Amino acid sequence: MSFEDVLYNKDKEILECEEFIKYIYCIFFDIYKKNINLDNLARLLYSKIDILDNLNPYKDDTFIEKLMQIDDDIYRQIECIKQDVRNDFKDLNAKNQEKLKLLKDKLEIKYNLKYFDDNICLEYEFYQRHKENFKDFNFAKSYYDRLHYIKKEILTNCFFDKYIYKKSQKIKKEALLNIFKMIKNNQWISTVLFFGFGFIVYFLYFYKYTPFIPGQEFIYVITATSAIFLLIPTFILFFVWFFWIMYVSEKENGKFKERLFFYDSVFVNILSLILSMVFIIICSDTISKFIPNLNTLNTISGIFYLLALFFLPFISFHVVISFSIKNEKFMFFFFLFVFFIASAYSFSLAFMSDKTSFIIYIFFGVLFCWAILISNVTDDKFYMSAFSISVVFLIVGSVFFFIDSVYRYLNFGNIDYEYIILDKNAKLPDEICDDTYIKNIKKPKEMISYKDGNLTYRLENNTTKSLNISFKCLAFIDENNNTIKTYKNENISRDNKTDKKIFVVIPTYFTKDSDIIKLHNIKVLSALGNKWFIESKNGFRFKIDKSHIKTEILD
């Protein structure tokens, strides 16, 4: 809060305080009986109006602190009043009719029930006079359901919610500051955690083969690893924070009031657009099965299908987001539903070693962080633990989803080479074949069977051909272009009853010239240390000393 903010919102704040005071005197009859909590709340609001009316930064430079302290005091009084309300309405679920009658009389003395429902007392009196004519009508249930509604309206009125929201924002800031202070005051712990995190990620990635690298290079690797995989969640959190600022701004400007759909909300439209694009990208394979080939359609039909492909997800997300903003219960149950579906999907993918499952972790982290930001909880311990859980989800998801791309970009490993040039002294393992058979499989061929060294494959004219070829000179992919690692399984068969197609592709092989060796179609799993750890197309792994490598040609 700055002087400019106070000055700009001065008239609005004074008006809200006056309306709040009117609300107290209108709703709570106890204010006239000198109820201490209500009386203190009214005094605090009058004090706030007095400070705002007499702003003079030259005479009093502590008015901002005073306003913040008054807001804190108002929040505490509101919590006391809310507890009084809960105590007053606690017998609402009682089944004893006498208790309910006493509750009605007590509530009518303490609260202005007619403010919420003009007819509630008139209907009750009418029912008492003519109850013989309403034997089949459960008026008691109807009446006490309406009292439940009134209780909710008192506890969640806009004046109470404003100060609770202010307090929750303050607690969130304090929780984040406490986390940063803890890191700053314990720099040796944060340093150990920083390097330890990079060390753990490094060994998780190279768990099948841990390259030996000198100390200086090792420090560089784990430092770069830690920095990048801590920056990725930080950028994601900044992205969520930006949307939260947009949401809060539109909420305070009344964009989310008295409407079913928020078509003019920048926040809702941008978020719907992003979610619909993500949905289309993730589900592109499934969507393509339900949409006909656009090449076979005329221009108008093609445009219609493309518009439907985009607008249906967009409108669906727009409706869901609008309902979530208007209805907190809907948001809660929708969150649980998404959590359950995403968890089940994540576990199913995890067993198939699909990296898509880790997108779910990132999604959970973002969703959890968003739920924290928009909540009105005022417990600092809750926020510290909740933020920590959110960050853990983001870090785990980011590490396992992006690690291949990051290590490839940093040239640490997971790099595909069309070929590398070795000096003539390099010794390759016997499992790598020469180029004798390569001319027969330059283009992918659909495999019929391979057994006992005999390969049968289908030609483009739908005829078949057989070739006697060594297993080490073969590589296979499935119809989704995924490599099939066959090094430890030399008998691969397929008959006409099998739906899945398998294709023969160019394997890892070498060619020799006078003074160089070219090694084709390899993946370098690790380029760290003094040796390269290489995987061939069929899954065979071996090492080559870096001193033999002359040139690298990327795919």
Protein backbone atom coordinates (compact mmCIF):
# COMPACT_ATOMS: atom_id res chain seq x y z
CA MET A 1 0.00 0.00 0.00
CA SER A 2 1.42 3.38 -1.04
CA PHE A 3 0.33 6.97 -0.49
CA GLU A 4 -0.80 7.16 -4.14
CA ASP A 5 -2.97 4.05 -3.69
CA VAL A 6 -4.57 5.48 -0.54
CA LEU A 7 -5.20 8.83 -2.20
CA TYR A 8 -6.63 7.28 -5.36
CA ASN A 9 -9.01 4.96 -3.44
CA LYS A 10 -9.82 7.37 -0.61
CA ASP A 11 -13.40 8.26 -1.63
CA LYS A 12 -14.21 4.68 -2.54
CA GLU A 13 -12.89 3.41 0.82
CA ILE A 14 -14.86 6.01 2.78
CA LEU A 15 -18.05 5.12 0.91
CA GLU A 16 -17.50 1.38 1.55
CA CYS A 17 -16.89 2.01 5.26
CA GLU A 18 -20.12 4.04 5.50
CA GLU A 19 -22.06 1.30 3.70
CA PHE A 20 -20.49 -1.30 6.00
CA ILE A 21 -21.63 0.67 9.07
CA LYS A 22 -25.16 0.95 7.63
CA TYR A 23 -25.13 -2.80 7.00
CA ILE A 24 -24.15 -3.52 10.62
CA TYR A 25 -26.92 -1.33 12.02
CA CYS A 26 -29.41 -2.78 9.54
CA ILE A 27 -28.65 -6.48 10.09
CA PHE A 28 -27.56 -6.80 13.71
CA PHE A 29 -30.13 -5.61 16.25
CA ASP A 30 -27.56 -6.33 18.99
CA ILE A 31 -25.64 -3.21 17.95
CA TYR A 32 -28.28 -1.19 19.78
CA LYS A 33 -27.69 -3.28 22.90
CA LYS A 34 -23.97 -2.44 22.99
CA ASN A 35 -22.74 -5.81 21.75
CA ILE A 36 -18.99 -5.46 22.32
CA ASN A 37 -17.86 -7.07 19.04
CA LEU A 38 -20.29 -5.12 16.88
CA ASP A 39 -19.56 -1.92 18.79
CA ASN A 40 -15.79 -2.37 18.33
CA LEU A 41 -16.25 -3.03 14.61
CA ALA A 42 -18.30 0.15 14.17
CA ARG A 43 -15.70 2.18 16.13
CA LEU A 44 -12.88 0.84 13.94
CA LEU A 45 -14.75 1.74 10.76
CA TYR A 46 -15.39 5.29 12.07
CA SER A 47 -11.66 5.55 12.92
CA LYS A 48 -10.73 4.50 9.39
CA ILE A 49 -13.06 7.13 7.92
CA ASP A 50 -11.51 9.74 10.19
CA ILE A 51 -7.96 8.90 9.06
CA LEU A 52 -8.97 8.95 5.39
CA ASP A 53 -10.82 12.25 5.80
CA ASN A 54 -7.79 13.92 7.39
CA LEU A 55 -4.95 12.70 5.20
CA ASN A 56 -1.87 14.83 5.69
CA PRO A 57 1.45 13.09 4.97
CA TYR A 58 3.42 16.13 6.17
CA LYS A 59 1.98 16.05 9.68
CA ASP A 60 1.63 12.29 10.01
CA ASP A 61 3.80 9.92 7.99
CA THR A 62 2.51 6.85 9.83
CA PHE A 63 -1.04 6.94 8.48
CA ILE A 64 -0.37 3.97 6.14
CA GLU A 65 0.74 1.83 9.09
CA LYS A 66 -2.34 2.98 11.01
CA LEU A 67 -4.65 2.04 8.12
CA MET A 68 -3.03 -1.39 7.81
CA GLN A 69 -3.35 -1.93 11.57
CA ILE A 70 -7.02 -0.88 11.50
CA ASP A 71 -7.69 -3.33 8.63
CA ASP A 72 -6.10 -6.11 10.71
CA ASP A 73 -8.22 -5.13 13.73
CA ILE A 74 -11.38 -5.05 11.56
CA TYR A 75 -10.55 -8.54 10.29
CA ARG A 76 -10.21 -9.85 13.87
CA GLN A 77 -13.55 -8.31 14.87
CA ILE A 78 -15.20 -9.85 11.81
CA GLU A 79 -13.92 -13.29 12.83
CA CYS A 80 -15.35 -12.75 16.34
CA ILE A 81 -18.73 -11.73 14.89
CA LYS A 82 -18.75 -14.71 12.53
CA GLN A 83 -18.18 -17.01 15.48
CA ASP A 84 -21.11 -15.35 17.30
CA VAL A 85 -23.30 -15.93 14.24
CA ARG A 86 -22.33 -19.59 14.07
CA ASN A 87 -23.18 -19.99 17.75
CA ASP A 88 -26.55 -18.28 17.28
CA PHE A 89 -27.49 -20.56 14.37
CA LYS A 90 -26.00 -23.79 15.76
CA ASP A 91 -29.41 -25.28 16.66
CA LEU A 92 -30.68 -25.07 13.07
CA ASN A 93 -30.23 -28.82 12.60
CA ALA A 94 -32.03 -29.70 15.83
CA LYS A 95 -35.02 -32.02 15.41
CA ASN A 96 -36.76 -30.87 18.57
CA GLN A 97 -39.60 -28.52 17.56
CA GLU A 98 -39.42 -26.63 20.83
CA LYS A 99 -35.74 -25.86 20.26
CA LEU A 100 -36.48 -24.70 16.75
CA LYS A 101 -39.26 -22.41 18.04
CA LEU A 102 -36.87 -20.90 20.60
CA LEU A 103 -34.22 -20.49 17.90
CA LYS A 104 -36.68 -18.62 15.68
CA ASP A 105 -37.61 -16.23 18.49
CA LYS A 106 -33.93 -15.64 19.37
CA LEU A 107 -32.90 -14.98 15.78
CA GLU A 108 -35.73 -12.52 15.21
CA ILE A 109 -34.58 -10.56 18.26
CA LYS A 110 -30.91 -10.47 17.24
CA TYR A 111 -31.08 -10.25 13.43
CA ASN A 112 -33.09 -8.41 10.83
CA LEU A 113 -34.32 -11.47 8.94
CA LYS A 114 -36.57 -9.36 6.73
CA TYR A 115 -33.50 -7.76 5.17
CA PHE A 116 -32.76 -11.08 3.43
CA ASP A 117 -36.32 -12.26 2.93
CA ASP A 118 -39.21 -9.82 3.31
CA ASN A 119 -41.79 -12.59 3.43
CA ILE A 120 -40.12 -15.05 5.80
CA CYS A 121 -41.82 -13.81 8.97
CA LEU A 122 -45.15 -13.13 7.25
CA GLU A 123 -45.21 -16.65 5.83
CA TYR A 124 -44.45 -18.13 9.24
CA GLU A 125 -47.32 -16.23 10.88
CA PHE A 126 -49.67 -17.14 8.03
CA TYR A 127 -48.74 -20.80 8.41
CA GLN A 128 -49.36 -20.71 12.17
CA ARG A 129 -52.86 -19.29 11.62
CA HIS A 130 -53.78 -21.74 8.82
CA LYS A 131 -51.65 -24.79 9.57
CA GLU A 132 -54.71 -27.06 9.51
CA ASN A 133 -54.98 -26.39 5.79
CA PHE A 134 -51.29 -27.27 5.21
CA LYS A 135 -51.09 -30.74 6.76
CA ASP A 136 -49.18 -32.22 3.80
CA PHE A 137 -46.78 -29.31 3.47
CA ASN A 138 -43.51 -29.51 5.40
CA PHE A 139 -43.36 -25.83 6.21
CA ALA A 140 -40.81 -26.31 9.00
CA LYS A 141 -38.28 -27.70 6.52
CA SER A 142 -38.95 -24.88 4.09
CA TYR A 143 -38.64 -22.23 6.80
CA TYR A 144 -35.45 -23.56 8.34
CA ASP A 145 -33.88 -24.09 4.91
CA ARG A 146 -34.37 -20.37 4.41
CA LEU A 147 -32.70 -19.70 7.75
CA HIS A 148 -29.72 -21.73 6.53
CA TYR A 149 -29.61 -19.45 3.51
CA ILE A 150 -29.73 -16.36 5.75
CA LYS A 151 -26.90 -17.69 7.91
CA LYS A 152 -24.77 -18.21 4.81
CA GLU A 153 -25.57 -14.70 3.55
CA ILE A 154 -24.52 -13.13 6.87
CA LEU A 155 -21.27 -15.10 7.07
CA THR A 156 -20.27 -14.46 3.46
CA ASN A 157 -21.48 -10.91 2.89
CA CYS A 158 -19.31 -8.74 0.64
CA PHE A 159 -18.13 -6.50 3.51
CA PHE A 160 -16.79 -9.40 5.55
CA ASP A 161 -15.28 -11.04 2.47
CA LYS A 162 -13.37 -7.89 1.51
CA TYR A 163 -11.40 -7.74 4.78
CA ILE A 164 -10.90 -11.51 4.91
CA TYR A 165 -9.56 -11.35 1.35
CA LYS A 166 -7.21 -8.48 2.30
CA LYS A 167 -5.91 -10.50 5.23
CA SER A 168 -5.39 -13.61 3.09
CA GLN A 169 -3.37 -11.59 0.55
CA LYS A 170 -1.21 -10.22 3.35
CA ILE A 171 -0.67 -13.72 4.76
CA LYS A 172 0.30 -15.03 1.29
CA LYS A 173 2.92 -12.29 0.90
CA GLU A 174 4.24 -12.95 4.39
CA ALA A 175 4.45 -16.70 3.70
CA LEU A 176 6.49 -16.11 0.53
CA LEU A 177 8.72 -13.59 2.31
CA ASN A 178 9.28 -16.09 5.13
CA ILE A 179 10.37 -18.72 2.59
CA PHE A 180 12.85 -16.27 1.01
CA LYS A 181 14.10 -15.14 4.43
CA MET A 182 14.66 -18.75 5.45
CA ILE A 183 16.72 -19.33 2.27
CA LYS A 184 18.65 -16.08 2.81
CA ASN A 185 19.38 -16.75 6.49
CA ASN A 186 20.51 -20.32 5.80
CA GLN A 187 22.66 -19.84 2.71
CA TRP A 188 24.79 -22.91 3.37
CA ILE A 189 21.64 -25.07 3.46
CA SER A 190 20.32 -23.53 0.24
CA THR A 191 23.73 -24.01 -1.41
CA VAL A 192 23.85 -27.68 -0.40
CA LEU A 193 20.25 -28.15 -1.63
CA PHE A 194 21.06 -26.36 -4.91
CA PHE A 195 24.04 -28.58 -5.71
CA GLY A 196 22.33 -31.64 -4.24
CA PHE A 197 19.34 -31.15 -6.51
CA GLY A 198 21.56 -31.00 -9.60
CA PHE A 199 23.48 -34.05 -8.37
CA ILE A 200 20.26 -36.07 -7.90
CA VAL A 201 18.88 -35.11 -11.33
CA TYR A 202 22.22 -35.97 -12.95
CA PHE A 203 22.32 -39.47 -11.45
CA LEU A 204 18.62 -40.09 -12.12
CA TYR A 205 19.20 -39.34 -15.79
CA PHE A 206 22.37 -41.42 -16.09
CA TYR A 207 21.28 -44.20 -13.71
CA LYS A 208 22.04 -46.94 -16.29
CA TYR A 209 25.44 -45.50 -17.11
CA THR A 210 27.10 -42.83 -14.97
CA PRO A 211 29.95 -41.24 -16.94
CA PHE A 212 33.19 -40.44 -15.12
CA ILE A 213 33.88 -36.72 -15.54
CA PRO A 214 36.54 -34.46 -13.97
CA GLY A 215 35.62 -32.20 -11.04
CA GLN A 216 35.34 -28.89 -12.89
CA GLU A 217 33.10 -30.34 -15.62
CA PHE A 218 31.01 -32.14 -12.99
CA ILE A 219 30.40 -28.88 -11.07
CA TYR A 220 29.37 -27.19 -14.34
CA VAL A 221 26.93 -30.01 -15.17
CA ILE A 222 25.16 -30.07 -11.80
CA THR A 223 25.11 -26.24 -11.56
CA ALA A 224 23.54 -25.89 -15.02
CA THR A 225 21.10 -28.70 -14.20
CA SER A 226 19.99 -27.10 -10.93
CA ALA A 227 19.70 -23.61 -12.41
CA ILE A 228 17.57 -24.65 -15.39
CA PHE A 229 15.26 -27.01 -13.54
CA LEU A 230 14.63 -24.42 -10.82
CA LEU A 231 14.07 -21.65 -13.38
CA ILE A 232 11.42 -23.63 -15.32
CA PRO A 233 9.03 -23.89 -12.29
CA THR A 234 9.80 -20.24 -11.46
CA PHE A 235 8.70 -19.13 -14.94
CA ILE A 236 5.57 -21.27 -14.64
CA LEU A 237 4.76 -19.66 -11.28
CA PHE A 238 5.27 -16.18 -12.77
CA PHE A 239 2.87 -17.16 -15.54
CA VAL A 240 0.25 -18.25 -12.97
CA TRP A 241 0.88 -15.10 -10.93
CA PHE A 242 0.29 -12.94 -14.03
CA PHE A 243 -3.09 -14.59 -14.62
CA TRP A 244 -3.96 -14.20 -10.95
CA ILE A 245 -3.24 -10.45 -11.12
CA MET A 246 -5.50 -10.24 -14.18
CA TYR A 247 -8.23 -12.21 -12.38
CA VAL A 248 -8.05 -10.06 -9.23
CA SER A 249 -8.11 -6.83 -11.27
CA GLU A 250 -11.24 -7.88 -13.18
CA LYS A 251 -12.90 -9.17 -10.00
CA GLU A 252 -12.33 -5.85 -8.21
CA ASN A 253 -13.70 -3.98 -11.24
CA GLY A 254 -16.93 -5.98 -11.10
CA LYS A 255 -16.43 -8.03 -14.28
CA PHE A 256 -17.68 -11.20 -12.57
CA LYS A 257 -20.94 -9.87 -11.11
CA GLU A 258 -24.55 -10.56 -12.11
CA ARG A 259 -23.75 -12.45 -15.30
CA LEU A 260 -23.79 -16.07 -16.37
CA PHE A 261 -20.97 -15.88 -18.94
CA PHE A 262 -18.11 -13.38 -18.92
CA TYR A 263 -17.71 -12.82 -22.66
CA ASP A 264 -15.96 -9.45 -22.16
CA SER A 265 -13.44 -10.78 -19.60
CA VAL A 266 -9.88 -10.75 -20.91
CA PHE A 267 -8.88 -13.27 -18.23
CA VAL A 268 -11.59 -15.82 -19.15
CA ASN A 269 -11.05 -15.43 -22.91
CA ILE A 270 -7.25 -15.76 -22.79
CA LEU A 271 -7.37 -18.72 -20.39
CA SER A 272 -10.04 -20.44 -22.53
CA LEU A 273 -7.92 -19.88 -25.63
CA ILE A 274 -4.78 -21.33 -24.02
CA LEU A 275 -6.59 -24.36 -22.58
CA SER A 276 -8.36 -25.08 -25.88
CA MET A 277 -5.07 -24.93 -27.80
CA VAL A 278 -3.39 -27.25 -25.27
CA PHE A 279 -6.37 -29.63 -25.51
CA ILE A 280 -6.18 -29.68 -29.33
CA ILE A 281 -2.41 -30.34 -29.29
CA ILE A 282 -2.57 -33.12 -26.66
CA CYS A 283 -5.62 -34.82 -28.20
CA SER A 284 -4.71 -34.19 -31.86
CA ASP A 285 -4.46 -37.92 -32.68
CA THR A 286 -7.86 -38.68 -31.16
CA ILE A 287 -9.50 -35.63 -32.74
CA SER A 288 -8.16 -36.52 -36.21
CA LYS A 289 -10.04 -39.84 -36.09
CA PHE A 290 -13.39 -38.05 -35.79
CA ILE A 291 -12.74 -35.43 -38.48
CA PRO A 292 -12.81 -36.39 -42.17
CA ASN A 293 -9.88 -35.67 -44.48
CA LEU A 294 -10.14 -31.97 -45.26
CA ASN A 295 -8.69 -32.58 -48.74
CA THR A 296 -11.87 -34.45 -49.70
CA LEU A 297 -14.16 -31.62 -48.56
CA ASN A 298 -15.11 -28.47 -50.40
CA THR A 299 -13.89 -25.09 -49.15
CA ILE A 300 -17.00 -24.23 -47.10
CA SER A 301 -17.12 -27.64 -45.38
CA GLY A 302 -13.41 -27.47 -44.64
CA ILE A 303 -13.77 -24.04 -43.05
CA PHE A 304 -16.74 -25.28 -41.02
CA TYR A 305 -14.79 -28.25 -39.62
CA LEU A 306 -11.77 -26.09 -38.77
CA LEU A 307 -13.96 -23.53 -36.97
CA ALA A 308 -15.76 -26.29 -35.08
CA LEU A 309 -12.42 -27.86 -34.13
CA PHE A 310 -11.33 -24.61 -32.51
CA PHE A 311 -14.56 -23.10 -31.13
CA LEU A 312 -16.06 -26.19 -29.46
CA PRO A 313 -13.14 -26.59 -27.00
CA PHE A 314 -12.96 -22.80 -26.57
CA ILE A 315 -16.67 -22.48 -25.71
CA SER A 316 -16.53 -25.54 -23.44
CA PHE A 317 -13.62 -24.14 -21.44
CA HIS A 318 -15.29 -20.72 -21.36
CA VAL A 319 -18.43 -22.24 -19.80
CA VAL A 320 -16.45 -24.28 -17.25
CA ILE A 321 -14.30 -21.30 -16.20
CA SER A 322 -17.36 -19.01 -15.91
CA PHE A 323 -19.19 -21.53 -13.74
CA SER A 324 -16.09 -22.02 -11.60
CA ILE A 325 -15.86 -18.27 -10.95
CA LYS A 326 -19.57 -17.94 -10.12
CA ASN A 327 -19.94 -21.10 -8.06
CA GLU A 328 -17.29 -22.08 -5.49
CA LYS A 329 -18.90 -25.51 -4.93
CA PHE A 330 -18.76 -26.20 -8.65
CA MET A 331 -15.09 -25.18 -8.65
CA PHE A 332 -14.33 -27.50 -5.73
CA PHE A 333 -16.06 -30.56 -7.20
CA PHE A 334 -14.66 -29.82 -10.66
CA PHE A 335 -11.18 -29.65 -9.11
CA LEU A 336 -11.73 -33.06 -7.45
CA PHE A 337 -13.07 -34.53 -10.71
CA VAL A 338 -10.09 -33.25 -12.73
CA PHE A 339 -7.71 -34.42 -9.99
CA PHE A 340 -9.18 -37.95 -10.07
CA ILE A 341 -9.21 -38.24 -13.88
CA ALA A 342 -5.73 -36.76 -14.25
CA SER A 343 -4.36 -39.04 -11.49
CA ALA A 344 -5.77 -42.15 -13.13
CA TYR A 345 -4.45 -41.05 -16.53
CA SER A 346 -1.06 -40.21 -15.04
CA PHE A 347 -0.68 -43.61 -13.38
CA SER A 348 -1.75 -45.44 -16.54
CA LEU A 349 0.83 -43.55 -18.58
CA ALA A 350 3.51 -44.00 -15.93
CA PHE A 351 3.28 -47.78 -16.28
CA MET A 352 3.76 -47.36 -20.04
CA SER A 353 6.79 -45.09 -19.48
CA ASP A 354 5.05 -42.27 -21.34
CA LYS A 355 6.47 -38.85 -20.55
CA THR A 356 3.03 -37.32 -21.06
CA SER A 357 2.25 -38.45 -17.51
CA PHE A 358 4.63 -35.79 -16.19
CA ILE A 359 2.56 -33.05 -17.84
CA ILE A 360 -0.05 -34.06 -15.26
CA TYR A 361 2.39 -33.22 -12.45
CA ILE A 362 2.97 -29.77 -13.93
CA PHE A 363 -0.79 -29.38 -14.34
CA PHE A 364 -1.34 -30.34 -10.67
CA GLY A 365 1.31 -27.84 -9.57
CA VAL A 366 -0.32 -25.02 -11.57
CA LEU A 367 -3.83 -25.96 -10.44
CA PHE A 368 -2.77 -26.23 -6.79
CA CYS A 369 -0.93 -22.90 -6.97
CA TRP A 370 -4.01 -21.26 -8.51
CA ALA A 371 -6.26 -22.69 -5.81
CA ILE A 372 -3.91 -21.21 -3.19
CA LEU A 373 -3.86 -17.77 -4.82
CA ILE A 374 -7.64 -17.40 -5.05
CA SER A 375 -8.38 -18.87 -1.61
CA ASN A 376 -9.24 -16.72 1.40
CA VAL A 377 -7.50 -18.88 4.00
CA THR A 378 -5.70 -16.79 6.64
CA ASP A 379 -3.29 -19.38 8.04
CA ASP A 380 0.37 -18.66 7.19
CA LYS A 381 1.46 -22.25 7.96
CA PHE A 382 -1.08 -23.51 5.43
CA TYR A 383 0.31 -21.24 2.72
CA MET A 384 3.93 -22.18 3.39
CA SER A 385 3.19 -25.90 3.17
CA ALA A 386 0.80 -25.45 0.21
CA PHE A 387 3.29 -23.39 -1.80
CA SER A 388 5.96 -26.00 -1.06
CA ILE A 389 3.74 -28.84 -2.33
CA SER A 390 2.90 -26.86 -5.46
CA VAL A 391 6.59 -26.21 -6.18
CA VAL A 392 7.46 -29.91 -5.63
CA PHE A 393 4.82 -30.92 -8.21
CA LEU A 394 6.20 -28.38 -10.69
CA ILE A 395 9.83 -29.42 -10.15
CA VAL A 396 9.15 -33.16 -10.48
CA GLY A 397 7.01 -32.67 -13.60
CA SER A 398 9.50 -30.24 -15.17
CA VAL A 399 12.54 -32.43 -14.53
CA PHE A 400 11.13 -35.63 -15.99
CA PHE A 401 9.33 -33.97 -18.91
CA PHE A 402 12.05 -31.53 -20.05
CA ILE A 403 15.25 -33.32 -19.06
CA ASP A 404 15.89 -34.95 -22.47
CA SER A 405 15.40 -31.65 -24.31
CA VAL A 406 17.51 -29.69 -21.81
CA TYR A 407 20.41 -32.17 -21.82
CA ARG A 408 20.28 -32.31 -25.63
CA TYR A 409 20.39 -28.49 -25.79
CA LEU A 410 23.32 -28.37 -23.36
CA ASN A 411 25.08 -31.09 -25.38
CA PHE A 412 25.25 -33.39 -22.35
CA GLY A 413 23.49 -36.33 -24.01
CA ASN A 414 20.39 -37.69 -25.77
CA ILE A 415 21.73 -36.36 -29.12
CA ASP A 416 20.87 -37.96 -32.48
CA TYR A 417 23.61 -37.90 -35.12
CA GLU A 418 23.20 -38.65 -38.80
CA TYR A 419 26.83 -39.72 -38.69
CA ILE A 420 30.13 -39.02 -36.96
CA ILE A 421 33.60 -39.22 -38.47
CA LEU A 422 36.18 -41.31 -36.58
CA ASP A 423 39.85 -41.74 -37.23
CA LYS A 424 40.99 -45.02 -38.78
CA ASN A 425 42.32 -46.33 -35.45
CA ALA A 426 38.89 -46.38 -33.82
CA LYS A 427 37.74 -49.91 -33.03
CA LEU A 428 34.00 -50.59 -33.37
CA PRO A 429 32.28 -53.61 -31.75
CA ASP A 430 31.33 -56.60 -33.89
CA GLU A 431 27.62 -55.84 -33.27
CA ILE A 432 27.88 -52.86 -35.67
CA CYS A 433 27.61 -53.94 -39.33
CA ASP A 434 29.07 -52.41 -42.49
CA ASP A 435 27.04 -51.02 -45.43
CA THR A 436 26.74 -54.31 -47.37
CA TYR A 437 22.93 -54.60 -47.09
CA ILE A 438 22.02 -50.92 -46.74
CA LYS A 439 21.08 -50.45 -50.42
CA ASN A 440 18.19 -52.96 -49.92
CA ILE A 441 16.58 -51.03 -47.05
CA LYS A 442 17.24 -47.36 -47.85
CA LYS A 443 13.49 -46.72 -47.51
CA PRO A 444 11.30 -48.18 -44.75
CA LYS A 445 9.86 -51.56 -45.76
CA GLU A 446 6.90 -53.29 -44.11
CA MET A 447 8.18 -56.43 -42.44
CA ILE A 448 6.34 -59.72 -42.84
CA SER A 449 8.69 -61.83 -40.71
CA TYR A 450 12.28 -62.26 -39.59
CA LYS A 451 13.46 -65.64 -38.34
CA ASP A 452 16.73 -67.57 -38.39
CA GLY A 453 18.49 -64.84 -40.36
CA ASN A 454 15.83 -64.63 -43.12
CA LEU A 455 13.96 -61.33 -43.57
CA THR A 456 10.69 -61.19 -45.52
CA TYR A 457 9.32 -57.73 -46.32
CA ARG A 458 6.68 -56.13 -48.55
CA LEU A 459 7.58 -54.02 -51.58
CA GLU A 460 5.71 -50.95 -52.83
CA ASN A 461 3.85 -52.99 -55.48
CA ASN A 462 2.51 -55.22 -52.66
CA THR A 463 4.74 -58.16 -53.57
CA THR A 464 7.08 -59.75 -51.01
CA LYS A 465 10.81 -60.30 -51.05
CA SER A 466 13.17 -62.31 -48.84
CA LEU A 467 16.71 -61.46 -47.88
CA ASN A 468 19.29 -63.34 -45.84
CA ILE A 469 20.67 -60.70 -43.52
CA SER A 470 22.47 -60.60 -40.18
CA PHE A 471 20.41 -59.49 -37.20
CA LYS A 472 22.92 -56.78 -36.32
CA CYS A 473 22.20 -55.10 -39.68
CA LEU A 474 18.51 -54.58 -38.97
CA ALA A 475 16.47 -51.95 -37.17
CA PHE A 476 12.70 -51.75 -36.77
CA ILE A 477 10.05 -49.11 -36.10
CA ASP A 478 6.32 -49.42 -35.46
CA GLU A 479 3.56 -47.62 -37.37
CA ASN A 480 3.85 -44.63 -34.97
CA ASN A 481 7.52 -44.23 -35.92
CA ASN A 482 8.74 -45.48 -32.52
CA THR A 483 12.00 -47.42 -32.56
CA ILE A 484 11.74 -51.07 -31.48
CA LYS A 485 14.85 -52.07 -29.53
CA THR A 486 15.50 -55.63 -30.71
CA TYR A 487 19.12 -56.25 -29.75
CA LYS A 488 18.21 -58.89 -27.14
CA ASN A 489 15.34 -60.45 -29.15
CA GLU A 490 16.53 -61.92 -32.44
CA ASN A 491 13.27 -63.60 -33.57
CA ILE A 492 10.64 -61.05 -34.65
CA SER A 493 7.60 -62.38 -36.48
CA ARG A 494 4.39 -60.95 -37.83
CA ASP A 495 1.59 -62.69 -39.72
CA ASN A 496 -1.43 -61.27 -41.58
CA LYS A 497 -3.68 -61.59 -38.52
CA THR A 498 -1.70 -59.00 -36.55
CA ASP A 499 -3.07 -55.46 -36.76
CA LYS A 500 0.19 -53.72 -35.85
CA LYS A 501 2.61 -53.02 -38.66
CA ILE A 502 6.39 -53.19 -38.24
CA PHE A 503 8.80 -51.56 -40.68
CA VAL A 504 12.45 -52.29 -41.47
CA VAL A 505 14.60 -49.13 -41.47
CA ILE A 506 18.27 -48.28 -41.93
CA PRO A 507 20.24 -49.50 -38.87
CA THR A 508 23.41 -48.18 -37.28
CA TYR A 509 26.25 -49.03 -39.66
CA PHE A 510 29.73 -47.88 -40.64
CA THR A 511 31.60 -47.12 -43.86
CA LYS A 512 35.38 -47.01 -44.32
CA ASP A 513 37.46 -44.71 -46.47
CA SER A 514 41.24 -44.55 -46.67
CA ASP A 515 41.87 -42.78 -43.36
CA ILE A 516 38.45 -42.27 -41.74
CA ILE A 517 35.46 -44.27 -40.52
CA LYS A 518 31.89 -42.93 -40.77
CA LEU A 519 29.48 -44.22 -38.12
CA HIS A 520 25.85 -43.63 -39.19
CA ASN A 521 22.49 -43.36 -37.34
CA ILE A 522 23.50 -43.25 -33.69
CA LYS A 523 22.20 -41.69 -30.48
CA VAL A 524 24.76 -40.36 -28.00
CA LEU A 525 23.29 -41.05 -24.56
CA SER A 526 26.15 -39.24 -22.82
CA ALA A 527 28.74 -36.85 -24.26
CA LEU A 528 30.31 -36.13 -20.86
CA GLY A 529 33.75 -37.14 -19.70
CA ASN A 530 36.43 -38.60 -21.99
CA LYS A 531 34.12 -41.19 -23.62
CA TRP A 532 30.88 -41.10 -25.55
CA PHE A 533 28.20 -43.58 -24.49
CA ILE A 534 26.38 -44.54 -27.73
CA GLU A 535 23.19 -46.46 -28.53
CA SER A 536 22.62 -48.05 -31.93
CA LYS A 537 19.24 -48.18 -33.68
CA ASN A 538 18.50 -51.68 -32.37
CA GLY A 539 19.36 -50.83 -28.75
CA PHE A 540 22.97 -52.06 -28.56
CA ARG A 541 25.15 -49.78 -26.38
CA PHE A 542 28.89 -49.19 -26.47
CA LYS A 543 31.58 -46.56 -25.72
CA ILE A 544 33.98 -44.63 -27.94
CA ASP A 545 36.91 -42.56 -26.72
CA LYS A 546 36.48 -38.88 -27.56
CA SER A 547 40.01 -38.71 -28.98
CA HIS A 548 38.85 -40.80 -32.00
CA ILE A 549 35.99 -38.42 -32.90
CA LYS A 550 36.83 -35.92 -35.64
CA THR A 551 33.48 -34.50 -36.86
CA GLU A 552 29.83 -34.71 -35.77
CA ILE A 553 26.88 -34.31 -38.16
CA LEU A 554 23.53 -33.78 -36.44
CA ASP A 555 20.21 -35.07 -37.78
